[in-house]
Amino acid sequence: MIRRRTFALAPIALGALGLAGPLHAQSFPSKPMTIVVPASPGGAIDLAARLIGQKMSESWGQPVVIDNRTGATGIIGTDFVAKAAPDGHTLALVASSHAINPVMVRKLPFDTLKSFEPVVQTHAVPLVLVVAPSFPAKNLKELIAYGKANPGKLSFASSGSGGAPHFSGELFKSMTGIDMVHVPYKGSTLAHPDLMSGRVSLMFDTLAAVGPQVKSGGMRALAVTTTRRVAMLPDVPTMAEAGLPGYETSTWGGLLAPAGTPKPVVARIAAETTRILALPDVKQRLMDAGVEPVGGTPEQFSAFIAQEMGKWAKVAKDAGIQPD
């Protein structure tokens, strides 16, 4: 009798297990959520997190707290999420440095791929190659020619070692064969006076940071680093249009959940985030800040992260950059 009952119940038990994932997703979220931003307030990932968090709270009826945990190019805040309960209630909104850190830091406290469930890419921020108005090269082809004719004379500023602006400069060096000196600053705005005065030759910076300076004539934009022109600077060509085909970079942001978070929960967060990013008011707020909303599936974001890691690992190798 006992055996018969056991076998009779087995299909029911299996059916319950099969429903566990969908039921979990339908009841999610069951408590307040936290989106950890591993950076200071005011940047692109912070803006995206606050817009997404507000709309999620309105839609799902649970508070969404934005927790800024700064330090170590995003590692501290991201590590907090890696060790959080894998139930979808604690997420990280990481930046592109997440894919660069493995080639800059010898021992990360987490595995960049295995410690997380990629949820969705939230946005991309085009970079702009800018020079001072007095710089002798008036376009990208002239800049490349000038650099090759004057090896070691050019320098490029960045917002700090290990970020997308730094590695965008290294990629430019690699693809053009130009010898340039990297000059890191503690934030891009500190580099702007030196760029405009000619103490450094050029820099790759975010559209949000340099757009107003370009419009006012304080800087000259030679190209944007994305494959399409940007609405804020419609007359500025892409790198490919300006004479360097195959060059493409940007900073970006995306949501990660701790490894082991149920797939249906991850999928539900991704779908809701994609819906939010398409809302006219959210889209406008991001675009006004020089941020392009993305959205998509967990699978797309997972493939994108792996692609970014491979690209930046090659750039680091070509540049001779060794992890600390």
Foldseek 3Di string as FASTA:
>chain_A
DVVVVVVVCVVVVVVVVVCVQVVLQVCPPVAAAEEEEQADPDDLLNLLQVLLQVVCCVVVVYHYHYHHRYDDQSQVRVVVQLPDDQALRYKYKHKLLLLQQVQAAVDRPDDSQQFWQFQKWWWWWKKFKKAAPPAPDPADVSVLVVQVVPAAPAEEEDCAPRDQFQLLVLVVCVQSVGHYHYDYDNGVVVCLVCRNVVVHGITIDTCLVCLVCCVVNSIPTRAIQAPDAAPSCNPHHHPVVRPRPPGHDTMTIGMIGTPPHRPSNSFSSLVSSQVSCPDPVNQVVQVVSSIHTDGDGSVVVSVVSVVSSVVSNVSCVSVVNGYD
